[in-house]
Amino acid sequence: MARNTTSSAERASDWLSRPLHVVLLALAASAAWALYAVLRFPPEKATLNLVYHVPIVFPFVTFLIERSRSARQAPSWSLAPDSVVLSLAMWRIIGDVPLVSGHALFLSYAVLTSRTRITRFAAMVVLLETLWLKLIVWHDSATLGFGLTLGLCFALVHWLVRSREAPIPVFKGTPN
């Protein structure tokens, strides 16, 4: 009788390599945040969460899954740009980071550096919504512009760091 030698981490990685599973997980996370916002906040703040914060959950989750899958093969120092961008974007939510839109920073970085179409497309759609809200609804071009600029700068750093790495084989045992 043959024994199954795959670890739970390998099974989870295999499960998360399927685009449908990634989409379902990201949708579930978005729905969970929406439910939390509706139950936790008064109506006006819940509406802001539903319109502005819930949409970013989807590309955020797909981005984290994408990066976690490639992090095992990459040197740890190459994750520095991702870490800084995620820290600044999250810090914007829990603290006060003046003059930068965490949405614009994260989404522009994700659009420019993601390798999967799911993450790039989701980030682009939510970035377009953010542009509309910031420019048309809230007339907030300053934080938007600075967030987009920082996202571009960190994307350039990401590309520079990644260009210095050895190529990661697409399939085991074959060169790129």
C-alpha atoms as a PDB file:
ATOM      1  CA  MET A   1       0.000   0.000   0.000  1.00  0.00           C
ATOM      2  CA  ALA A   2       1.515   3.325  -1.054  1.00  0.00           C
ATOM      3  CA  ARG A   3       1.736   6.087   1.516  1.00  0.00           C
ATOM      4  CA  ASN A   4       0.839   9.656   0.724  1.00  0.00           C
ATOM      5  CA  THR A   5       4.015  11.661   1.391  1.00  0.00           C
ATOM      6  CA  THR A   6       2.717  15.128   0.549  1.00  0.00           C
ATOM      7  CA  SER A   7       2.701  17.523   3.445  1.00  0.00           C
ATOM      8  CA  SER A   8      -0.236  19.720   4.368  1.00  0.00           C
ATOM      9  CA  ALA A   9       1.765  22.757   3.195  1.00  0.00           C
ATOM     10  CA  GLU A  10       2.229  21.155  -0.222  1.00  0.00           C
ATOM     11  CA  ARG A  11      -1.476  20.295  -0.428  1.00  0.00           C
ATOM     12  CA  ALA A  12      -2.398  23.880   0.524  1.00  0.00           C
ATOM     13  CA  SER A  13       0.059  25.217  -2.052  1.00  0.00           C
ATOM     14  CA  ASP A  14      -1.472  22.952  -4.694  1.00  0.00           C
ATOM     15  CA  TRP A  15      -4.968  24.111  -3.703  1.00  0.00           C
ATOM     16  CA  LEU A  16      -3.895  27.766  -3.966  1.00  0.00           C
ATOM     17  CA  SER A  17      -2.303  27.212  -7.381  1.00  0.00           C
ATOM     18  CA  ARG A  18      -5.750  26.950  -8.935  1.00  0.00           C
ATOM     19  CA  PRO A  19      -7.147  30.315 -10.067  1.00  0.00           C
ATOM     20  CA  LEU A  20     -10.726  29.390  -9.145  1.00  0.00           C
ATOM     21  CA  HIS A  21      -9.667  28.649  -5.569  1.00  0.00           C
ATOM     22  CA  VAL A  22      -7.787  31.948  -5.331  1.00  0.00           C
ATOM     23  CA  VAL A  23     -10.829  33.837  -6.608  1.00  0.00           C
ATOM     24  CA  LEU A  24     -13.151  32.034  -4.175  1.00  0.00           C
ATOM     25  CA  LEU A  25     -10.850  32.760  -1.230  1.00  0.00           C
ATOM     26  CA  ALA A  26     -10.564  36.435  -2.200  1.00  0.00           C
ATOM     27  CA  LEU A  27     -14.352  36.710  -2.616  1.00  0.00           C
ATOM     28  CA  ALA A  28     -14.866  35.079   0.786  1.00  0.00           C
ATOM     29  CA  ALA A  29     -12.447  37.540   2.401  1.00  0.00           C
ATOM     30  CA  SER A  30     -14.241  40.463   0.732  1.00  0.00           C
ATOM     31  CA  ALA A  31     -17.631  39.159   1.875  1.00  0.00           C
ATOM     32  CA  ALA A  32     -16.305  38.681   5.408  1.00  0.00           C
ATOM     33  CA  TRP A  33     -15.053  42.285   5.537  1.00  0.00           C
ATOM     34  CA  ALA A  34     -18.378  43.532   4.154  1.00  0.00           C
ATOM     35  CA  LEU A  35     -20.300  41.610   6.791  1.00  0.00           C
ATOM     36  CA  TYR A  36     -17.981  42.914   9.512  1.00  0.00           C
ATOM     37  CA  ALA A  37     -18.437  46.509   8.288  1.00  0.00           C
ATOM     38  CA  VAL A  38     -22.229  46.238   8.215  1.00  0.00           C
ATOM     39  CA  LEU A  39     -22.396  44.688  11.678  1.00  0.00           C
ATOM     40  CA  ARG A  40     -19.704  46.823  13.314  1.00  0.00           C
ATOM     41  CA  PHE A  41     -20.126  50.370  12.008  1.00  0.00           C
ATOM     42  CA  PRO A  42     -22.970  52.891  11.876  1.00  0.00           C
ATOM     43  CA  PRO A  43     -24.632  53.152   8.438  1.00  0.00           C
ATOM     44  CA  GLU A  44     -22.571  56.080   7.071  1.00  0.00           C
ATOM     45  CA  LYS A  45     -19.258  54.472   8.050  1.00  0.00           C
ATOM     46  CA  ALA A  46     -20.453  51.050   6.857  1.00  0.00           C
ATOM     47  CA  THR A  47     -21.259  52.590   3.461  1.00  0.00           C
ATOM     48  CA  LEU A  48     -17.746  54.030   3.201  1.00  0.00           C
ATOM     49  CA  ASN A  49     -16.332  50.598   4.040  1.00  0.00           C
ATOM     50  CA  LEU A  50     -18.545  48.887   1.463  1.00  0.00           C
ATOM     51  CA  VAL A  51     -17.640  51.361  -1.276  1.00  0.00           C
ATOM     52  CA  TYR A  52     -13.974  52.029  -0.517  1.00  0.00           C
ATOM     53  CA  HIS A  53     -12.497  49.321   1.721  1.00  0.00           C
ATOM     54  CA  VAL A  54     -14.256  46.109   0.690  1.00  0.00           C
ATOM     55  CA  PRO A  55     -13.156  46.293  -2.990  1.00  0.00           C
ATOM     56  CA  ILE A  56      -9.442  46.411  -2.103  1.00  0.00           C
ATOM     57  CA  VAL A  57      -9.680  43.187  -0.101  1.00  0.00           C
ATOM     58  CA  PHE A  58      -9.946  41.087  -3.280  1.00  0.00           C
ATOM     59  CA  PRO A  59      -6.694  42.247  -4.945  1.00  0.00           C
ATOM     60  CA  PHE A  60      -4.977  42.334  -1.539  1.00  0.00           C
ATOM     61  CA  VAL A  61      -5.749  38.647  -0.910  1.00  0.00           C
ATOM     62  CA  THR A  62      -4.783  37.587  -4.441  1.00  0.00           C
ATOM     63  CA  PHE A  63      -1.547  39.606  -4.133  1.00  0.00           C
ATOM     64  CA  LEU A  64      -0.661  37.918  -0.830  1.00  0.00           C
ATOM     65  CA  ILE A  65      -1.333  34.465  -2.281  1.00  0.00           C
ATOM     66  CA  GLU A  66       0.740  35.220  -5.368  1.00  0.00           C
ATOM     67  CA  ARG A  67       3.672  36.526  -3.352  1.00  0.00           C
ATOM     68  CA  SER A  68       3.520  33.702  -0.815  1.00  0.00           C
ATOM     69  CA  ARG A  69       3.751  31.155  -3.626  1.00  0.00           C
ATOM     70  CA  SER A  70       6.864  32.784  -5.118  1.00  0.00           C
ATOM     71  CA  ALA A  71       8.473  33.683  -1.767  1.00  0.00           C
ATOM     72  CA  ARG A  72       9.734  30.145  -1.215  1.00  0.00           C
ATOM     73  CA  GLN A  73      12.022  30.291  -4.248  1.00  0.00           C
ATOM     74  CA  ALA A  74      13.139  33.919  -3.879  1.00  0.00           C
ATOM     75  CA  PRO A  75      15.818  35.272  -1.533  1.00  0.00           C
ATOM     76  CA  SER A  76      14.302  36.859   1.550  1.00  0.00           C
ATOM     77  CA  TRP A  77      15.838  40.268   0.817  1.00  0.00           C
ATOM     78  CA  SER A  78      13.901  40.428  -2.451  1.00  0.00           C
ATOM     79  CA  LEU A  79      10.676  40.724  -0.445  1.00  0.00           C
ATOM     80  CA  ALA A  80      11.760  44.090   0.988  1.00  0.00           C
ATOM     81  CA  PRO A  81       9.843  46.276  -1.515  1.00  0.00           C
ATOM     82  CA  ASP A  82       6.669  44.230  -0.938  1.00  0.00           C
ATOM     83  CA  SER A  83       7.090  44.529   2.819  1.00  0.00           C
ATOM     84  CA  VAL A  84       7.563  48.291   2.728  1.00  0.00           C
ATOM     85  CA  VAL A  85       4.583  48.840   0.412  1.00  0.00           C
ATOM     86  CA  LEU A  86       2.295  46.599   2.467  1.00  0.00           C
ATOM     87  CA  SER A  87       3.463  48.199   5.725  1.00  0.00           C
ATOM     88  CA  LEU A  88       2.851  51.740   4.466  1.00  0.00           C
ATOM     89  CA  ALA A  89      -0.531  50.854   2.982  1.00  0.00           C
ATOM     90  CA  MET A  90      -1.676  49.072   6.145  1.00  0.00           C
ATOM     91  CA  TRP A  91      -0.217  51.782   8.369  1.00  0.00           C
ATOM     92  CA  ARG A  92      -2.424  54.243   6.515  1.00  0.00           C
ATOM     93  CA  ILE A  93      -5.464  52.290   7.767  1.00  0.00           C
ATOM     94  CA  ILE A  94      -4.437  51.958  11.403  1.00  0.00           C
ATOM     95  CA  GLY A  95      -2.408  55.127  11.841  1.00  0.00           C
ATOM     96  CA  ASP A  96      -1.864  58.474  10.273  1.00  0.00           C
ATOM     97  CA  VAL A  97       0.417  58.554   7.244  1.00  0.00           C
ATOM     98  CA  PRO A  98       0.005  62.048   5.829  1.00  0.00           C
ATOM     99  CA  LEU A  99      -0.103  62.837   2.126  1.00  0.00           C
ATOM    100  CA  VAL A 100      -0.258  59.301   0.791  1.00  0.00           C
ATOM    101  CA  SER A 101      -3.197  57.206  -0.319  1.00  0.00           C
ATOM    102  CA  GLY A 102      -2.606  53.652   0.838  1.00  0.00           C
ATOM    103  CA  HIS A 103      -5.038  52.456  -1.826  1.00  0.00           C
ATOM    104  CA  ALA A 104      -3.165  54.232  -4.636  1.00  0.00           C
ATOM    105  CA  LEU A 105       0.203  53.054  -3.299  1.00  0.00           C
ATOM    106  CA  PHE A 106      -0.720  49.391  -2.967  1.00  0.00           C
ATOM    107  CA  LEU A 107      -2.883  49.143  -6.092  1.00  0.00           C
ATOM    108  CA  SER A 108      -0.416  50.866  -8.428  1.00  0.00           C
ATOM    109  CA  TYR A 109       2.380  48.660  -7.054  1.00  0.00           C
ATOM    110  CA  ALA A 110       0.236  45.536  -7.482  1.00  0.00           C
ATOM    111  CA  VAL A 111      -0.724  46.461 -11.058  1.00  0.00           C
ATOM    112  CA  LEU A 112       2.915  47.005 -12.000  1.00  0.00           C
ATOM    113  CA  THR A 113       4.525  44.038 -10.219  1.00  0.00           C
ATOM    114  CA  SER A 114       2.001  41.198 -10.146  1.00  0.00           C
ATOM    115  CA  ARG A 115       2.633  38.162 -12.268  1.00  0.00           C
ATOM    116  CA  THR A 116      -0.909  36.804 -12.334  1.00  0.00           C
ATOM    117  CA  ARG A 117      -3.697  38.193 -14.468  1.00  0.00           C
ATOM    118  CA  ILE A 118      -6.179  37.820 -11.615  1.00  0.00           C
ATOM    119  CA  THR A 119      -4.217  40.140  -9.340  1.00  0.00           C
ATOM    120  CA  ARG A 120      -3.338  42.648 -12.081  1.00  0.00           C
ATOM    121  CA  PHE A 121      -6.924  42.846 -13.346  1.00  0.00           C
ATOM    122  CA  ALA A 122      -8.461  43.133  -9.865  1.00  0.00           C
ATOM    123  CA  ALA A 123      -5.915  45.764  -8.826  1.00  0.00           C
ATOM    124  CA  MET A 124      -6.545  47.744 -12.026  1.00  0.00           C
ATOM    125  CA  VAL A 125     -10.337  47.721 -11.541  1.00  0.00           C
ATOM    126  CA  VAL A 126     -10.080  48.827  -7.912  1.00  0.00           C
ATOM    127  CA  LEU A 127      -7.432  51.426  -8.841  1.00  0.00           C
ATOM    128  CA  LEU A 128      -9.856  52.886 -11.398  1.00  0.00           C
ATOM    129  CA  GLU A 129     -12.530  53.060  -8.697  1.00  0.00           C
ATOM    130  CA  THR A 130     -10.032  54.730  -6.347  1.00  0.00           C
ATOM    131  CA  LEU A 131      -9.126  57.268  -9.043  1.00  0.00           C
ATOM    132  CA  TRP A 132     -12.796  58.094  -9.552  1.00  0.00           C
ATOM    133  CA  LEU A 133     -13.522  58.431  -5.834  1.00  0.00           C
ATOM    134  CA  LYS A 134     -10.392  60.467  -5.078  1.00  0.00           C
ATOM    135  CA  LEU A 135     -10.595  62.792  -8.088  1.00  0.00           C
ATOM    136  CA  ILE A 136     -14.306  63.163  -8.824  1.00  0.00           C
ATOM    137  CA  VAL A 137     -16.066  62.519  -5.525  1.00  0.00           C
ATOM    138  CA  TRP A 138     -13.581  63.678  -2.871  1.00  0.00           C
ATOM    139  CA  HIS A 139     -11.384  66.085  -4.913  1.00  0.00           C
ATOM    140  CA  ASP A 140      -8.272  64.612  -3.321  1.00  0.00           C
ATOM    141  CA  SER A 141      -5.557  64.664  -5.948  1.00  0.00           C
ATOM    142  CA  ALA A 142      -2.681  65.212  -3.496  1.00  0.00           C
ATOM    143  CA  THR A 143      -2.788  61.885  -1.647  1.00  0.00           C
ATOM    144  CA  LEU A 144      -3.684  60.104  -4.888  1.00  0.00           C
ATOM    145  CA  GLY A 145      -0.706  61.555  -6.763  1.00  0.00           C
ATOM    146  CA  PHE A 146       1.742  60.827  -3.969  1.00  0.00           C
ATOM    147  CA  GLY A 147       0.419  57.276  -3.552  1.00  0.00           C
ATOM    148  CA  LEU A 148       0.726  56.598  -7.301  1.00  0.00           C
ATOM    149  CA  THR A 149       4.242  58.067  -7.357  1.00  0.00           C
ATOM    150  CA  LEU A 150       5.359  55.947  -4.408  1.00  0.00           C
ATOM    151  CA  GLY A 151       3.792  52.862  -6.009  1.00  0.00           C
ATOM    152  CA  LEU A 152       5.776  53.497  -9.196  1.00  0.00           C
ATOM    153  CA  CYS A 153       9.007  54.100  -7.250  1.00  0.00           C
ATOM    154  CA  PHE A 154       8.622  50.882  -5.273  1.00  0.00           C
ATOM    155  CA  ALA A 155       7.754  48.999  -8.477  1.00  0.00           C
ATOM    156  CA  LEU A 156      11.045  50.211  -9.961  1.00  0.00           C
ATOM    157  CA  VAL A 157      12.876  48.980  -6.851  1.00  0.00           C
ATOM    158  CA  HIS A 158      11.021  45.651  -7.120  1.00  0.00           C
ATOM    159  CA  TRP A 159      12.070  45.250 -10.763  1.00  0.00           C
ATOM    160  CA  LEU A 160      15.671  46.165  -9.935  1.00  0.00           C
ATOM    161  CA  VAL A 161      15.803  43.645  -7.079  1.00  0.00           C
ATOM    162  CA  ARG A 162      14.149  40.903  -9.149  1.00  0.00           C
ATOM    163  CA  SER A 163      16.492  41.505 -12.097  1.00  0.00           C
ATOM    164  CA  ARG A 164      19.460  40.631  -9.857  1.00  0.00           C
ATOM    165  CA  GLU A 165      17.988  37.246  -8.850  1.00  0.00           C
ATOM    166  CA  ALA A 166      18.647  33.962 -10.545  1.00  0.00           C
ATOM    167  CA  PRO A 167      15.669  32.996 -12.707  1.00  0.00           C
ATOM    168  CA  ILE A 168      13.168  30.718 -10.996  1.00  0.00           C
ATOM    169  CA  PRO A 169      12.317  27.671 -13.117  1.00  0.00           C
ATOM    170  CA  VAL A 170       8.703  27.505 -14.192  1.00  0.00           C
ATOM    171  CA  PHE A 171       8.672  23.697 -13.930  1.00  0.00           C
ATOM    172  CA  LYS A 172      10.820  21.563 -11.669  1.00  0.00           C
ATOM    173  CA  GLY A 173      13.986  20.383 -13.348  1.00  0.00           C
ATOM    174  CA  THR A 174      13.821  22.697 -16.358  1.00  0.00           C
ATOM    175  CA  PRO A 175      15.652  25.971 -16.907  1.00  0.00           C
ATOM    176  CA  ASN A 176      13.645  29.087 -17.814  1.00  0.00           C
END
